[in-house]
Protein backbone atom coordinates (compact mmCIF):
# COMPACT_ATOMS: atom_id res chain seq x y z
CA MET A 1 12.99 6.28 21.06
CA PRO A 2 14.72 2.88 20.96
CA ASP A 3 12.81 -0.28 20.13
CA ILE A 4 11.28 -2.30 22.91
CA THR A 5 13.45 -5.28 23.77
CA PRO A 6 12.63 -8.30 25.93
CA ASP A 7 14.69 -6.63 28.70
CA SER A 8 12.68 -3.37 28.62
CA VAL A 9 10.78 -2.55 31.81
CA LEU A 10 7.50 -0.79 31.00
CA THR A 11 4.36 0.33 32.74
CA VAL A 12 1.00 1.68 31.61
CA SER A 13 1.09 5.46 31.83
CA GLY A 14 -0.58 6.93 34.90
CA ARG A 15 -2.66 9.06 32.55
CA VAL A 16 -4.19 6.00 30.84
CA ALA A 17 -7.43 4.27 31.79
CA ILE A 18 -8.05 0.69 30.69
CA ARG A 19 -11.64 -0.45 30.28
CA PRO A 20 -12.01 -4.20 29.77
CA GLU A 21 -14.35 -5.22 26.95
CA PRO A 22 -15.43 -8.62 25.58
CA PHE A 23 -13.12 -8.12 22.57
CA GLY A 24 -10.12 -6.97 24.67
CA ALA A 25 -10.06 -3.43 26.06
CA LEU A 26 -10.31 0.28 25.40
CA LEU A 27 -7.39 2.48 26.42
CA TYR A 28 -7.91 6.21 26.89
CA HIS A 29 -5.07 8.67 27.44
CA PHE A 30 -6.32 11.69 29.38
CA GLY A 31 -3.38 13.85 28.26
CA THR A 32 -3.48 13.23 24.52
CA ARG A 33 -7.19 12.34 24.45
CA ARG A 34 -6.28 9.37 22.29
CA LEU A 35 -8.42 6.23 22.34
CA SER A 36 -6.98 2.83 21.43
CA PHE A 37 -8.82 -0.42 20.88
CA LEU A 38 -7.03 -3.59 21.93
CA LYS A 39 -8.58 -6.54 20.14
CA SER A 40 -6.45 -9.12 21.90
CA PRO A 41 -7.23 -10.38 25.39
CA VAL A 42 -3.65 -11.70 25.52
CA LEU A 43 -2.30 -8.17 24.96
CA VAL A 44 -4.56 -6.87 27.74
CA ASP A 45 -3.19 -9.60 30.03
CA ILE A 46 0.35 -8.49 29.17
CA LEU A 47 -0.47 -4.85 29.95
CA ASP A 48 -1.80 -5.94 33.34
CA ARG A 49 1.55 -7.63 33.99
CA LEU A 50 3.65 -4.60 32.94
CA ASP A 51 3.75 -3.05 36.38
CA GLY A 52 7.17 -1.43 36.12
CA THR A 53 8.90 -4.16 38.11
CA ARG A 54 9.27 -6.92 35.54
CA SER A 55 10.75 -7.09 32.08
CA VAL A 56 8.70 -7.40 28.93
CA ASP A 57 10.09 -10.93 28.56
CA ASP A 58 8.86 -11.86 32.05
CA ALA A 59 5.39 -10.46 31.27
CA LEU A 60 5.22 -12.35 27.97
CA SER A 61 6.28 -15.60 29.63
CA ALA A 62 3.77 -15.15 32.46
CA ALA A 63 1.01 -14.55 29.88
CA GLY A 64 1.96 -17.74 28.03
CA VAL A 65 3.03 -16.03 24.79
CA ASP A 66 4.86 -18.46 22.50
CA ASP A 67 8.04 -17.60 20.61
CA ALA A 68 6.24 -17.28 17.26
CA SER A 69 3.88 -14.61 18.63
CA ARG A 70 6.51 -12.49 20.40
CA PRO A 71 7.55 -10.30 17.42
CA SER A 72 3.96 -9.16 16.80
CA ILE A 73 3.39 -8.51 20.51
CA LEU A 74 6.62 -6.47 20.69
CA ARG A 75 5.45 -4.41 17.69
CA ALA A 76 2.09 -3.78 19.40
CA LEU A 77 3.85 -2.72 22.61
CA SER A 78 6.11 -0.39 20.58
CA THR A 79 3.04 1.21 19.01
CA LEU A 80 1.46 1.69 22.44
CA ARG A 81 4.64 3.27 23.74
CA ALA A 82 4.88 5.58 20.72
CA SER A 83 1.32 6.76 21.44
CA GLN A 84 2.29 7.38 25.11
CA MET A 85 0.03 4.61 26.44
CA LEU A 86 3.12 2.85 27.83
CA GLU A 87 6.22 4.38 29.33
CA GLU A 88 9.60 3.24 30.57
CA ALA A 89 9.55 2.43 34.26
CA ALA A 90 11.43 4.91 36.42
């Protein structure tokens, strides 16, 4: 699976439920039964923007992510994709 680039177009898997929490959110994948804790409200905002129609770069810009924070956000998105929480848009 190639790395996520700013041009990647992603969406939250249809088998994933997101439950907002004061610390960020809980993600539950009904297929793998995996639970993920997102401790960053900014990352939750980005996931809301990844609707399969815009690039990762567009979502990061819309969420106000600065250049210094982008590498860590891209790593987090890569981890979520590896755990099947995110998928490439069709």
